[in-house]
N, C-alpha and C. Protein backbone atom coordinates (compact mmCIF):
# COMPACT_ATOMS: atom_id res chain seq x y z
N MET A 1 101.93 -18.51 46.00
CA MET A 1 102.96 -17.72 44.74
C MET A 1 103.57 -16.44 44.85
N GLY A 2 102.57 -15.79 45.03
CA GLY A 2 103.19 -14.37 45.26
C GLY A 2 103.59 -13.87 46.33
N ILE A 3 103.27 -14.61 47.41
CA ILE A 3 103.79 -14.36 49.09
C ILE A 3 105.24 -15.12 48.86
N THR A 4 104.95 -16.20 48.55
CA THR A 4 106.64 -16.99 48.69
C THR A 4 107.67 -16.04 47.72
N LEU A 5 107.13 -15.55 46.25
CA LEU A 5 108.04 -14.66 45.67
C LEU A 5 108.62 -13.65 46.37
N PHE A 6 107.66 -13.01 46.90
CA PHE A 6 107.83 -11.67 47.98
C PHE A 6 108.97 -11.89 48.98
N LYS A 7 108.79 -13.10 49.56
CA LYS A 7 109.69 -13.56 50.80
C LYS A 7 111.18 -14.19 50.13
N GLY A 8 111.14 -14.72 49.06
CA GLY A 8 112.46 -14.81 48.56
C GLY A 8 113.07 -13.51 48.04
N PHE A 9 112.61 -12.32 47.81
CA PHE A 9 112.77 -10.82 47.34
C PHE A 9 113.23 -10.25 48.43
N ILE A 10 112.49 -10.43 49.18
CA ILE A 10 112.96 -9.64 50.82
C ILE A 10 114.35 -10.28 51.39
N THR A 11 113.95 -11.92 51.31
CA THR A 11 115.28 -12.23 51.82
C THR A 11 116.72 -12.03 51.18
N ALA A 12 116.67 -12.28 49.94
CA ALA A 12 117.98 -12.01 49.21
C ALA A 12 118.14 -10.59 49.48
N GLY A 13 117.18 -9.65 49.39
CA GLY A 13 117.61 -8.49 49.29
C GLY A 13 118.15 -7.79 50.58
N SER A 14 117.84 -8.27 51.62
CA SER A 14 118.29 -8.05 53.25
C SER A 14 119.92 -8.60 53.39
N LEU A 15 120.25 -9.56 52.01
CA LEU A 15 121.87 -9.67 52.12
C LEU A 15 122.46 -8.96 51.06
N ILE A 16 122.00 -8.81 50.06
CA ILE A 16 122.64 -8.12 48.93
C ILE A 16 122.72 -6.90 49.26
N VAL A 17 121.65 -5.79 49.83
CA VAL A 17 122.01 -4.90 50.21
C VAL A 17 122.54 -4.26 51.23
N ALA A 18 124.23 -4.63 51.27
CA ALA A 18 124.97 -4.34 52.51
C ALA A 18 126.18 -3.72 51.72
N ILE A 19 126.81 -3.08 52.68
CA ILE A 19 128.27 -2.68 52.30
C ILE A 19 129.40 -3.64 52.56
N GLY A 20 129.42 -3.74 50.99
CA GLY A 20 130.58 -4.77 50.86
C GLY A 20 131.46 -4.58 49.71
N ALA A 21 132.64 -5.48 49.51
CA ALA A 21 133.45 -5.31 48.29
C ALA A 21 132.74 -5.31 47.02
N GLN A 22 131.62 -6.56 46.82
CA GLN A 22 131.03 -6.39 45.52
C GLN A 22 130.38 -5.01 45.18
N ASN A 23 129.61 -4.59 46.38
CA ASN A 23 128.95 -3.37 45.94
C ASN A 23 129.94 -2.30 45.61
N ALA A 24 130.82 -2.08 46.59
CA ALA A 24 131.46 -1.23 46.50
C ALA A 24 132.46 -0.83 44.83
N TYR A 25 132.90 -2.02 44.31
CA TYR A 25 133.27 -2.41 43.11
C TYR A 25 132.28 -1.82 42.16
N VAL A 26 130.97 -2.47 42.13
CA VAL A 26 130.00 -2.11 41.13
C VAL A 26 129.91 -0.74 40.93
N LEU A 27 129.90 0.22 42.25
CA LEU A 27 129.31 1.48 42.71
C LEU A 27 130.71 2.31 42.03
N THR A 28 131.73 2.04 42.07
CA THR A 28 132.79 2.68 41.84
C THR A 28 132.79 2.66 40.15
N GLN A 29 133.01 1.45 39.86
CA GLN A 29 132.96 1.25 38.22
C GLN A 29 131.92 2.14 37.72
N GLY A 30 130.65 1.82 38.19
CA GLY A 30 129.51 2.70 37.41
C GLY A 30 129.94 4.02 37.63
N LEU A 31 130.23 4.78 38.63
CA LEU A 31 130.53 6.05 38.62
C LEU A 31 131.40 6.41 37.47
N ARG A 32 132.59 5.46 37.32
CA ARG A 32 133.48 5.72 35.92
C ARG A 32 132.97 5.60 34.75
N GLY A 33 131.75 4.86 34.65
CA GLY A 33 131.44 4.65 33.51
C GLY A 33 132.03 3.38 32.59
N GLN A 34 132.82 2.39 33.41
CA GLN A 34 133.43 1.47 32.92
C GLN A 34 133.11 -0.08 32.82
N TYR A 35 132.59 -0.20 31.90
CA TYR A 35 131.64 -1.36 31.70
C TYR A 35 130.99 -1.90 32.73
N ALA A 36 130.03 -0.87 33.27
CA ALA A 36 129.02 -0.74 34.33
C ALA A 36 128.01 -1.78 34.27
N LEU A 37 127.80 -2.18 33.23
CA LEU A 37 126.40 -2.89 32.71
C LEU A 37 127.08 -4.44 32.53
N THR A 38 128.17 -4.64 32.10
CA THR A 38 128.95 -5.97 31.99
C THR A 38 128.89 -6.24 33.45
N ILE A 39 129.62 -5.21 34.18
CA ILE A 39 129.96 -5.78 35.61
C ILE A 39 128.45 -6.10 36.61
N ALA A 40 127.34 -5.37 36.07
CA ALA A 40 126.13 -5.43 36.92
C ALA A 40 125.86 -6.86 36.55
N ALA A 41 125.98 -6.94 35.01
CA ALA A 41 125.40 -8.57 34.50
C ALA A 41 126.15 -9.65 35.30
N THR A 42 127.52 -9.45 35.48
CA THR A 42 128.29 -10.59 35.79
C THR A 42 127.87 -10.94 37.29
N CYS A 43 127.93 -9.70 37.90
CA CYS A 43 127.14 -10.16 39.47
C CYS A 43 125.88 -10.70 39.40
N ILE A 44 124.84 -10.53 38.72
CA ILE A 44 123.71 -11.06 38.40
C ILE A 44 123.78 -12.24 38.26
N VAL A 45 124.57 -12.64 37.10
CA VAL A 45 124.67 -14.00 36.66
C VAL A 45 125.29 -14.97 38.03
N ILE A 46 126.33 -14.33 38.54
CA ILE A 46 126.97 -15.21 39.73
C ILE A 46 125.86 -15.44 40.97
N ASP A 47 125.08 -14.46 41.40
CA ASP A 47 124.17 -14.69 42.15
C ASP A 47 123.03 -15.72 41.96
N VAL A 48 122.34 -15.50 40.48
CA VAL A 48 121.67 -16.38 40.33
C VAL A 48 121.90 -17.77 40.23
N CYS A 49 123.28 -18.25 40.02
CA CYS A 49 123.77 -19.46 40.03
C CYS A 49 124.16 -19.75 41.43
N LEU A 50 124.64 -19.04 42.22
CA LEU A 50 124.68 -19.29 44.02
C LEU A 50 123.17 -19.77 44.46
N ILE A 51 122.31 -18.91 44.10
CA ILE A 51 120.98 -19.02 44.74
C ILE A 51 120.38 -20.28 44.27
N TYR A 52 120.75 -20.65 42.90
CA TYR A 52 120.10 -22.01 42.59
C TYR A 52 120.58 -23.08 43.05
N ALA A 53 121.88 -22.75 43.45
CA ALA A 53 122.74 -24.03 44.39
C ALA A 53 122.47 -23.81 45.59
N GLY A 54 121.77 -22.86 46.00
CA GLY A 54 121.37 -22.76 47.53
C GLY A 54 120.25 -23.53 47.59
N ILE A 55 119.39 -23.60 46.70
CA ILE A 55 117.99 -23.80 46.73
C ILE A 55 118.02 -25.49 46.52
N ALA A 56 118.84 -25.71 45.51
CA ALA A 56 119.73 -27.21 45.27
C ALA A 56 120.10 -27.89 46.25
N GLY A 57 120.52 -27.40 47.51
CA GLY A 57 120.84 -27.85 48.49
C GLY A 57 122.65 -27.83 48.58
N VAL A 58 123.40 -27.11 47.67
CA VAL A 58 124.82 -27.51 47.62
C VAL A 58 125.19 -26.52 48.71
N GLY A 59 124.46 -25.73 49.39
CA GLY A 59 125.02 -24.87 50.65
C GLY A 59 125.34 -25.70 51.75
N VAL A 60 124.59 -26.81 51.86
CA VAL A 60 124.75 -27.62 52.91
C VAL A 60 125.96 -28.62 52.99
N VAL A 61 126.45 -28.80 51.58
CA VAL A 61 127.53 -29.55 51.30
C VAL A 61 128.84 -28.65 51.52
N VAL A 62 128.83 -27.43 51.05
CA VAL A 62 130.10 -26.51 51.51
C VAL A 62 130.31 -26.28 52.52
N ALA A 63 129.15 -25.93 53.24
CA ALA A 63 129.07 -25.66 54.69
C ALA A 63 130.01 -26.71 55.53
N GLY A 64 129.99 -28.00 54.88
CA GLY A 64 130.67 -28.96 55.69
C GLY A 64 132.01 -29.51 55.27
N GLU A 65 132.23 -28.47 54.49
CA GLU A 65 134.03 -28.52 53.97
C GLU A 65 134.44 -27.56 54.24
N PRO A 66 135.13 -27.62 55.56
CA PRO A 66 136.24 -26.48 55.85
C PRO A 66 137.31 -26.11 55.13
N VAL A 67 137.73 -27.03 54.43
CA VAL A 67 138.78 -26.51 53.33
C VAL A 67 138.18 -25.77 52.09
N LEU A 68 137.45 -25.65 51.86
CA LEU A 68 136.48 -24.89 50.80
C LEU A 68 136.32 -23.73 51.42
N LEU A 69 136.19 -23.32 52.60
CA LEU A 69 135.76 -22.34 53.49
C LEU A 69 137.22 -21.56 53.48
N LEU A 70 138.18 -22.38 53.70
CA LEU A 70 139.55 -21.47 54.29
C LEU A 70 139.98 -21.14 52.85
N GLY A 71 139.96 -21.96 51.80
CA GLY A 71 140.46 -21.75 50.63
C GLY A 71 139.69 -20.34 50.27
N ALA A 72 138.80 -20.11 50.29
CA ALA A 72 137.76 -18.85 49.63
C ALA A 72 138.27 -17.81 50.78
N ALA A 73 138.52 -18.16 52.12
CA ALA A 73 138.83 -17.06 52.74
C ALA A 73 140.32 -16.37 52.75
N LEU A 74 141.14 -17.09 52.38
CA LEU A 74 142.63 -16.88 52.13
C LEU A 74 142.67 -16.31 50.93
N GLY A 75 142.19 -16.64 50.06
CA GLY A 75 142.04 -16.25 48.37
C GLY A 75 141.57 -14.74 48.61
N GLY A 76 140.18 -14.55 49.37
CA GLY A 76 139.80 -13.27 49.30
C GLY A 76 140.23 -12.26 50.28
N ALA A 77 141.24 -12.67 51.25
CA ALA A 77 141.68 -11.84 52.13
C ALA A 77 143.21 -11.34 51.22
N LEU A 78 143.57 -12.18 50.84
CA LEU A 78 145.03 -11.78 49.66
C LEU A 78 144.45 -10.82 48.49
N PHE A 79 143.01 -11.08 48.23
CA PHE A 79 142.76 -10.40 46.99
C PHE A 79 142.21 -8.98 47.42
N LEU A 80 141.61 -8.77 48.60
CA LEU A 80 141.03 -7.48 49.07
C LEU A 80 142.17 -6.71 49.79
N THR A 81 143.27 -7.43 50.18
CA THR A 81 144.27 -6.60 50.49
C THR A 81 145.19 -5.81 49.40
N ALA A 82 145.26 -6.68 48.09
CA ALA A 82 145.94 -6.12 47.09
C ALA A 82 144.94 -4.99 46.67
N TYR A 83 143.41 -5.26 46.37
CA TYR A 83 142.72 -4.24 45.71
C TYR A 83 142.68 -2.92 46.97
N GLY A 84 142.55 -3.32 47.85
CA GLY A 84 142.77 -1.96 48.72
C GLY A 84 143.97 -1.16 48.69
N ALA A 85 145.14 -2.01 48.73
CA ALA A 85 146.28 -1.17 48.64
C ALA A 85 146.41 -0.50 47.25
N ARG A 86 145.99 -0.78 46.25
CA ARG A 86 145.78 -0.12 44.95
C ARG A 86 144.86 1.14 44.90
N ALA A 87 143.63 0.90 45.99
CA ALA A 87 142.53 2.08 45.80
C ALA A 87 143.55 3.24 46.66
N LEU A 88 144.36 2.80 47.78
CA LEU A 88 144.84 3.78 48.53
C LEU A 88 146.06 4.35 47.68
N TYR A 89 146.97 3.68 47.17
CA TYR A 89 147.85 4.16 46.33
C TYR A 89 147.64 5.40 45.28
N SER A 90 146.26 4.76 44.84
CA SER A 90 145.74 6.18 43.58
C SER A 90 145.35 7.27 44.40
N ALA A 91 144.83 6.90 45.75
CA ALA A 91 144.34 8.23 46.46
C ALA A 91 145.44 9.08 46.83
N PHE A 92 146.51 8.48 47.39
CA PHE A 92 147.66 9.46 48.11
C PHE A 92 148.82 9.39 46.82
N ASN A 93 148.51 9.25 45.79
CA ASN A 93 149.70 9.67 44.61
C ASN A 93 149.05 10.29 43.55
N GLY A 94 147.50 10.90 43.54
CA GLY A 94 147.49 11.82 42.69
C GLY A 94 146.92 11.02 41.39
N GLN A 95 146.48 9.50 41.43
CA GLN A 95 146.01 8.97 40.07
C GLN A 95 144.49 8.38 40.37
N SER A 96 143.97 9.08 41.26
CA SER A 96 142.42 8.80 41.43
C SER A 96 142.03 9.60 40.22
N MET A 97 140.99 9.06 39.49
CA MET A 97 140.26 9.14 38.17
C MET A 97 139.05 9.87 38.21
N ASN A 98 138.75 10.47 37.60
CA ASN A 98 137.37 11.22 37.14
C ASN A 98 136.53 10.56 36.16
N THR A 99 135.34 10.60 35.88
CA THR A 99 134.68 10.34 35.33
C THR A 99 134.71 10.03 33.68
N GLY A 100 135.87 11.16 33.53
CA GLY A 100 136.23 11.33 32.01
C GLY A 100 137.54 10.63 31.77
N GLY A 101 138.15 9.89 32.89
CA GLY A 101 139.64 9.37 32.88
C GLY A 101 139.51 7.97 32.14
N ARG A 102 140.96 7.75 32.18
CA ARG A 102 141.42 6.82 31.05
C ARG A 102 140.70 5.42 31.85
N VAL A 103 140.34 4.29 30.93
CA VAL A 103 139.66 2.84 31.18
C VAL A 103 140.97 2.24 31.93
N LEU A 104 140.39 1.56 33.17
CA LEU A 104 141.29 0.99 33.65
C LEU A 104 141.43 -0.72 33.71
N HIS A 105 140.35 -0.89 33.03
CA HIS A 105 140.41 -2.47 32.73
C HIS A 105 139.61 -2.71 31.32
N SER A 106 139.86 -3.87 30.74
CA SER A 106 139.05 -4.28 29.41
C SER A 106 137.75 -4.95 30.10
N ARG A 107 137.12 -5.62 28.99
CA ARG A 107 135.89 -6.01 29.53
C ARG A 107 136.26 -7.18 30.15
N SER A 108 137.16 -8.15 29.77
CA SER A 108 137.52 -9.35 30.07
C SER A 108 137.99 -8.95 31.69
N ASN A 109 138.88 -8.26 31.76
CA ASN A 109 139.59 -8.09 33.29
C ASN A 109 138.65 -7.86 34.05
N ALA A 110 137.66 -6.58 33.85
CA ALA A 110 136.25 -6.06 34.49
C ALA A 110 135.83 -7.51 35.09
N ILE A 111 135.39 -8.57 34.18
CA ILE A 111 134.58 -9.67 34.51
C ILE A 111 135.25 -10.61 35.41
N TRP A 112 136.69 -10.79 35.22
CA TRP A 112 137.85 -11.67 36.27
C TRP A 112 137.36 -10.95 37.35
N VAL A 113 137.73 -9.43 37.62
CA VAL A 113 137.88 -8.96 39.11
C VAL A 113 136.41 -8.88 39.57
N THR A 114 135.69 -8.59 38.87
CA THR A 114 134.11 -8.86 39.51
C THR A 114 133.85 -10.14 40.02
N ALA A 115 134.37 -11.28 39.36
CA ALA A 115 134.23 -12.63 39.61
C ALA A 115 134.92 -13.00 40.84
N ALA A 116 135.94 -12.60 41.04
CA ALA A 116 136.81 -12.89 42.24
C ALA A 116 136.41 -12.07 43.41
N ILE A 117 135.82 -10.76 43.31
CA ILE A 117 135.36 -10.35 44.60
C ILE A 117 134.35 -10.77 44.79
N SER A 118 133.30 -11.19 44.13
CA SER A 118 132.14 -11.85 44.40
C SER A 118 132.28 -13.38 44.91
N LEU A 119 133.33 -14.29 44.97
CA LEU A 119 133.43 -15.52 44.87
C LEU A 119 134.51 -15.51 46.01
N LEU A 120 135.43 -14.93 46.21
CA LEU A 120 136.43 -14.89 46.93
C LEU A 120 136.26 -14.50 48.49
N ASN A 121 134.84 -15.15 49.03
CA ASN A 121 134.56 -14.48 50.11
C ASN A 121 133.68 -15.80 50.82
N PRO A 122 133.78 -15.92 51.59
CA PRO A 122 132.97 -17.06 52.33
C PRO A 122 131.70 -17.02 52.76
N HIS A 123 131.85 -15.64 53.13
CA HIS A 123 130.11 -15.31 53.15
C HIS A 123 129.10 -15.42 52.32
N VAL A 124 129.63 -15.53 51.22
CA VAL A 124 129.01 -15.54 49.83
C VAL A 124 128.24 -17.09 49.84
N TYR A 125 129.11 -18.09 50.32
CA TYR A 125 128.68 -19.65 50.45
C TYR A 125 127.66 -19.76 51.72
N LEU A 126 128.27 -19.09 52.95
CA LEU A 126 127.34 -19.11 54.26
C LEU A 126 126.29 -18.44 54.17
N ASP A 127 126.24 -17.23 53.69
CA ASP A 127 124.75 -16.54 53.61
C ASP A 127 123.84 -16.61 52.49
N THR A 128 124.67 -16.50 51.36
CA THR A 128 123.70 -16.37 50.28
C THR A 128 123.36 -18.12 49.83
N VAL A 129 124.11 -18.88 49.71
CA VAL A 129 124.20 -19.99 49.32
C VAL A 129 123.32 -20.87 50.47
N LEU A 130 123.82 -21.09 51.79
CA LEU A 130 123.13 -22.01 52.70
C LEU A 130 122.14 -21.50 53.20
N LEU A 131 122.04 -19.67 53.51
CA LEU A 131 121.08 -19.24 54.44
C LEU A 131 119.79 -19.13 53.29
N ILE A 132 119.76 -18.79 52.34
CA ILE A 132 118.57 -18.92 51.14
C ILE A 132 118.20 -20.04 50.67
N GLY A 133 119.32 -20.95 50.57
CA GLY A 133 119.31 -22.64 50.41
C GLY A 133 118.19 -23.05 51.64
N SER A 134 118.74 -22.60 52.80
CA SER A 134 117.89 -23.22 53.92
C SER A 134 116.59 -23.12 53.92
N ILE A 135 116.32 -21.72 53.86
CA ILE A 135 115.18 -20.70 53.93
C ILE A 135 113.75 -21.61 52.73
N GLY A 136 114.72 -21.58 51.82
CA GLY A 136 114.04 -21.93 50.37
C GLY A 136 113.64 -23.40 50.43
N GLY A 137 114.65 -24.18 51.13
CA GLY A 137 114.52 -25.71 51.03
C GLY A 137 113.20 -26.16 51.95
N GLN A 138 112.75 -24.98 52.81
CA GLN A 138 111.73 -25.50 53.52
C GLN A 138 110.38 -25.26 52.83
N TYR A 139 110.43 -24.97 51.72
CA TYR A 139 108.94 -24.82 50.53
C TYR A 139 109.23 -26.02 49.94
N PRO A 140 107.76 -26.62 49.72
CA PRO A 140 107.53 -27.57 48.89
C PRO A 140 107.67 -27.21 47.43
N MET A 141 108.07 -28.04 46.59
CA MET A 141 107.72 -27.53 45.20
C MET A 141 106.39 -27.35 44.80
N PRO A 142 105.89 -26.46 43.92
CA PRO A 142 107.06 -25.53 43.31
C PRO A 142 107.07 -24.28 43.85
N GLU A 143 106.70 -24.03 45.17
CA GLU A 143 107.05 -22.90 45.79
C GLU A 143 108.17 -22.71 46.04
N ARG A 144 109.12 -23.52 46.16
CA ARG A 144 110.69 -23.50 46.22
C ARG A 144 111.19 -22.62 45.04
N ILE A 145 110.40 -22.96 43.97
CA ILE A 145 111.19 -22.26 42.67
C ILE A 145 110.72 -21.10 42.71
N TRP A 146 109.42 -20.74 43.47
CA TRP A 146 109.00 -19.23 43.19
C TRP A 146 109.92 -18.25 44.27
N PHE A 147 110.11 -19.26 45.38
CA PHE A 147 111.15 -18.34 46.36
C PHE A 147 112.58 -18.16 45.65
N GLY A 148 112.48 -19.11 44.84
CA GLY A 148 114.21 -18.61 44.51
C GLY A 148 114.15 -17.86 43.38
N ALA A 149 112.97 -17.57 42.69
CA ALA A 149 113.04 -16.73 41.66
C ALA A 149 112.49 -15.18 41.95
N GLY A 150 112.42 -15.25 43.21
CA GLY A 150 112.21 -13.83 44.03
C GLY A 150 113.28 -13.44 44.53
N ALA A 151 114.29 -14.53 45.04
CA ALA A 151 115.39 -13.83 45.20
C ALA A 151 116.66 -13.53 44.04
N MET A 152 116.39 -14.38 42.78
CA MET A 152 116.80 -13.81 41.87
C MET A 152 116.50 -12.60 41.41
N LEU A 153 115.37 -12.26 41.73
CA LEU A 153 114.83 -11.03 41.20
C LEU A 153 115.48 -9.72 41.69
N ALA A 154 115.13 -10.03 43.23
CA ALA A 154 116.34 -9.30 44.25
C ALA A 154 117.57 -8.62 43.82
N SER A 155 118.18 -9.77 43.38
CA SER A 155 119.65 -9.39 42.76
C SER A 155 119.51 -8.76 41.88
N THR A 156 118.91 -8.99 40.69
CA THR A 156 118.85 -8.45 39.70
C THR A 156 118.25 -7.00 39.69
N THR A 157 117.50 -6.57 40.40
CA THR A 157 116.96 -5.29 40.84
C THR A 157 118.05 -4.38 41.22
N TRP A 158 118.66 -5.03 42.38
CA TRP A 158 119.63 -4.37 43.29
C TRP A 158 120.91 -3.82 42.19
N PHE A 159 121.49 -4.64 41.33
CA PHE A 159 122.61 -4.48 40.97
C PHE A 159 122.28 -3.65 39.72
N LEU A 160 120.97 -3.18 38.89
CA LEU A 160 120.77 -2.41 37.77
C LEU A 160 120.41 -1.05 38.61
N VAL A 161 119.87 -1.25 39.80
CA VAL A 161 119.60 0.09 40.75
C VAL A 161 120.95 0.77 41.00
N LEU A 162 121.82 -0.05 41.32
CA LEU A 162 122.97 0.36 41.77
C LEU A 162 123.79 0.78 40.65
N VAL A 163 123.89 0.53 39.35
CA VAL A 163 124.30 1.09 38.27
C VAL A 163 123.96 2.16 37.78
N ILE A 164 122.36 2.37 37.52
CA ILE A 164 121.63 3.39 37.31
C ILE A 164 121.77 4.51 38.21
N GLY A 165 121.77 4.52 39.88
CA GLY A 165 121.90 5.21 40.43
C GLY A 165 123.65 5.94 40.32
N ALA A 166 124.45 4.89 40.41
CA ALA A 166 125.92 5.55 40.21
C ALA A 166 126.01 6.57 39.06
N ARG A 167 125.45 6.32 37.85
CA ARG A 167 125.20 7.23 36.63
C ARG A 167 124.63 8.52 37.04
N ARG A 168 123.81 8.67 37.91
CA ARG A 168 123.07 9.73 38.31
C ARG A 168 124.10 10.49 39.07
N LEU A 169 125.06 9.71 40.06
CA LEU A 169 125.80 10.51 40.89
C LEU A 169 127.31 10.72 40.54
N ALA A 170 127.26 10.90 39.01
CA ALA A 170 128.24 10.80 38.15
C ALA A 170 128.91 12.52 38.00
N PRO A 171 127.71 13.15 38.28
CA PRO A 171 128.28 14.61 38.32
C PRO A 171 129.13 14.92 39.36
N LEU A 172 128.84 14.34 40.76
CA LEU A 172 129.40 14.98 41.90
C LEU A 172 130.69 14.41 42.09
N PHE A 173 131.20 13.80 41.00
CA PHE A 173 132.41 12.98 40.81
C PHE A 173 133.45 13.51 40.04
N ALA A 174 133.14 15.07 39.48
CA ALA A 174 133.78 15.21 38.76
C ALA A 174 135.01 16.18 38.85
N LYS A 175 135.34 16.64 40.35
CA LYS A 175 136.23 17.06 40.78
C LYS A 175 137.25 15.72 41.47
N PRO A 176 138.78 15.55 41.23
CA PRO A 176 139.71 14.62 41.70
C PRO A 176 139.71 14.54 43.26
N GLU A 177 139.33 15.73 43.77
CA GLU A 177 139.52 15.62 45.09
C GLU A 177 138.54 14.11 45.84
N THR A 178 137.24 14.39 44.92
CA THR A 178 136.11 13.52 45.33
C THR A 178 136.32 12.21 45.29
N TRP A 179 137.39 11.86 43.88
CA TRP A 179 137.69 10.71 43.93
C TRP A 179 138.71 9.77 44.86
N ARG A 180 139.61 11.13 45.37
CA ARG A 180 140.69 10.44 46.35
C ARG A 180 139.87 10.05 47.44
N MET A 181 138.72 11.07 47.74
CA MET A 181 137.90 10.36 49.16
C MET A 181 137.24 9.04 48.90
N LEU A 182 136.50 9.21 47.64
CA LEU A 182 136.02 7.39 47.35
C LEU A 182 137.23 6.52 47.51
N ASP A 183 138.37 6.75 46.90
CA ASP A 183 139.48 5.83 46.62
C ASP A 183 139.73 5.49 48.23
N VAL A 184 139.86 6.42 49.12
CA VAL A 184 140.30 6.22 50.42
C VAL A 184 139.11 5.32 51.17
N LEU A 185 138.15 5.41 51.12
CA LEU A 185 137.05 4.92 51.58
C LEU A 185 137.01 3.56 51.00
N VAL A 186 137.08 3.34 49.57
CA VAL A 186 137.26 1.96 49.28
C VAL A 186 138.54 1.38 49.82
N GLY A 187 139.28 1.67 49.79
CA GLY A 187 140.31 1.07 50.36
C GLY A 187 140.69 0.81 51.65
N MET A 188 140.05 1.45 52.38
CA MET A 188 140.03 1.38 54.05
C MET A 188 138.75 0.18 54.25
N LEU A 189 137.65 0.21 53.31
CA LEU A 189 136.70 -0.89 53.75
C LEU A 189 137.23 -2.15 52.83
N MET A 190 137.98 -2.25 51.75
CA MET A 190 138.44 -3.39 51.48
C MET A 190 139.58 -4.26 52.30
N TRP A 191 140.23 -3.17 53.06
CA TRP A 191 141.15 -3.42 54.27
C TRP A 191 140.63 -4.36 55.44
N SER A 192 139.44 -3.63 55.84
CA SER A 192 139.00 -4.09 56.91
C SER A 192 138.08 -5.20 56.61
N LEU A 193 137.51 -5.72 55.59
CA LEU A 193 136.86 -6.65 55.16
C LEU A 193 138.17 -7.78 54.75
N ALA A 194 139.23 -7.63 54.14
CA ALA A 194 140.36 -8.42 54.53
C ALA A 194 140.91 -9.00 55.57
N ALA A 195 140.80 -7.91 56.79
CA ALA A 195 141.22 -8.29 58.16
C ALA A 195 140.21 -9.05 58.66
N THR A 196 138.77 -9.11 58.38
CA THR A 196 137.92 -9.88 58.82
C THR A 196 138.06 -11.43 57.99
N LEU A 197 138.62 -11.62 57.02
CA LEU A 197 138.80 -12.73 55.87
C LEU A 197 139.95 -13.49 56.86
N TRP A 198 141.29 -12.50 57.08
CA TRP A 198 142.34 -13.54 57.89
C TRP A 198 141.94 -13.92 58.86
N TRP A 199 140.98 -13.22 60.00
CA TRP A 199 140.69 -14.00 60.92
C TRP A 199 139.93 -14.74 60.98
N GLN A 200 138.86 -15.25 59.79
CA GLN A 200 138.07 -16.22 59.56
C GLN A 200 138.98 -17.30 59.23
N ALA A 201 140.08 -17.17 58.54
CA ALA A 201 140.89 -18.35 58.02
C ALA A 201 141.59 -19.09 59.01
N PHE A 202 142.06 -18.18 60.29
CA PHE A 202 142.53 -18.80 61.35
C PHE A 202 141.69 -19.65 62.01
N GLY A 203 140.24 -19.47 62.00
CA GLY A 203 139.27 -20.21 62.74
C GLY A 203 138.91 -21.49 61.52
N TYR A 204 138.96 -21.34 60.36
CA TYR A 204 138.64 -22.41 59.57
C TYR A 204 139.93 -23.37 59.67
N TYR A 205 141.30 -23.17 59.83
CA TYR A 205 142.24 -23.66 59.66
C TYR A 205 142.56 -24.95 60.72
N PRO A 206 142.05 -24.86 62.09
CA PRO A 206 141.93 -26.04 62.83
C PRO A 206 140.78 -27.17 62.40
N ALA A 207 139.97 -26.82 61.82
CA ALA A 207 139.10 -28.01 61.13
C ALA A 207 139.67 -28.57 60.22
N VAL A 208 140.65 -27.78 59.31
CA VAL A 208 141.09 -28.22 58.16
C VAL A 208 142.14 -29.29 58.74
N SER A 209 142.93 -28.71 59.68
CA SER A 209 144.12 -29.78 59.97
C SER A 209 143.80 -30.73 61.03
N GLY A 210 142.70 -30.73 61.21
CA GLY A 210 142.19 -31.69 62.20
C GLY A 210 142.04 -31.38 63.91
N GLY A 211 142.30 -30.01 63.86
CA GLY A 211 141.97 -29.59 65.31
C GLY A 211 140.99 -29.08 65.63
N ALA A 212 140.59 -28.69 66.70
CA ALA A 212 139.20 -28.43 67.24
C ALA A 212 139.01 -27.08 66.25
N SER A 213 137.44 -26.91 65.91
CA SER A 213 137.34 -25.73 64.98
C SER A 213 137.27 -24.69 65.91
N LEU A 214 137.54 -23.33 65.32
CA LEU A 214 137.08 -22.13 66.28
C LEU A 214 135.93 -21.51 65.72
N GLU A 215 134.96 -21.10 66.44
CA GLU A 215 134.15 -20.00 66.03
C GLU A 215 134.36 -19.05 65.00
N PHE A 216 134.00 -18.89 63.72
CA PHE A 216 134.38 -17.97 62.74
C PHE A 216 133.58 -16.69 63.12
N PHE A 217 134.39 -15.31 62.67
CA PHE A 217 133.35 -14.32 63.23
C PHE A 217 132.49 -14.00 62.13
N ASN A 218 131.11 -13.84 62.20
CA ASN A 218 130.30 -13.81 61.52
C ASN A 218 129.73 -12.15 61.14
N GLY A 219 130.14 -11.19 61.88
CA GLY A 219 129.61 -9.78 61.42
C GLY A 219 130.83 -9.13 61.67
């Protein structure tokens, strides 16, 4: 039981603890003190649902539906392109905010943006759902439940640590120049991820349209 729980924790942790749009957004909003716990809770709930879906075998179904992956890739590419443009606009037009600045989002908007960043990414379904589901599916019941619980615990731990760590780093972002640097980094990260998703969308399209499927870019 304990070993299976630990394996689930390590497996999910290795996927979650990576530089990506979701973690960048959580960190940025945590530094700004804007609904940080709400955003972290939203990420945790989404991950818990996706991990449960993977353990239940949904990942295999999703991986076999190119139209779903194409839709996620296109939606994610559009969203990240717009979000990156917004971050760069703030950086180069003197609108980067410090930790005491105005609130950018209502609580509901923060939840919607978090959900969009989290779900409009085919890697969520291919990596988190399919990979965790495939590994967890190798275990018999009830060990499969413990593997899933370990994966969910990893997600919960990571996002809480990310929010708490962001609050500790807040004093370093007292200067507008620091925020501009962060906005530039976030903007470039979002655009690089968007470019990857655009490329993946071209890989999924032949399968959706009935042609030969291209190998999509994983890394």
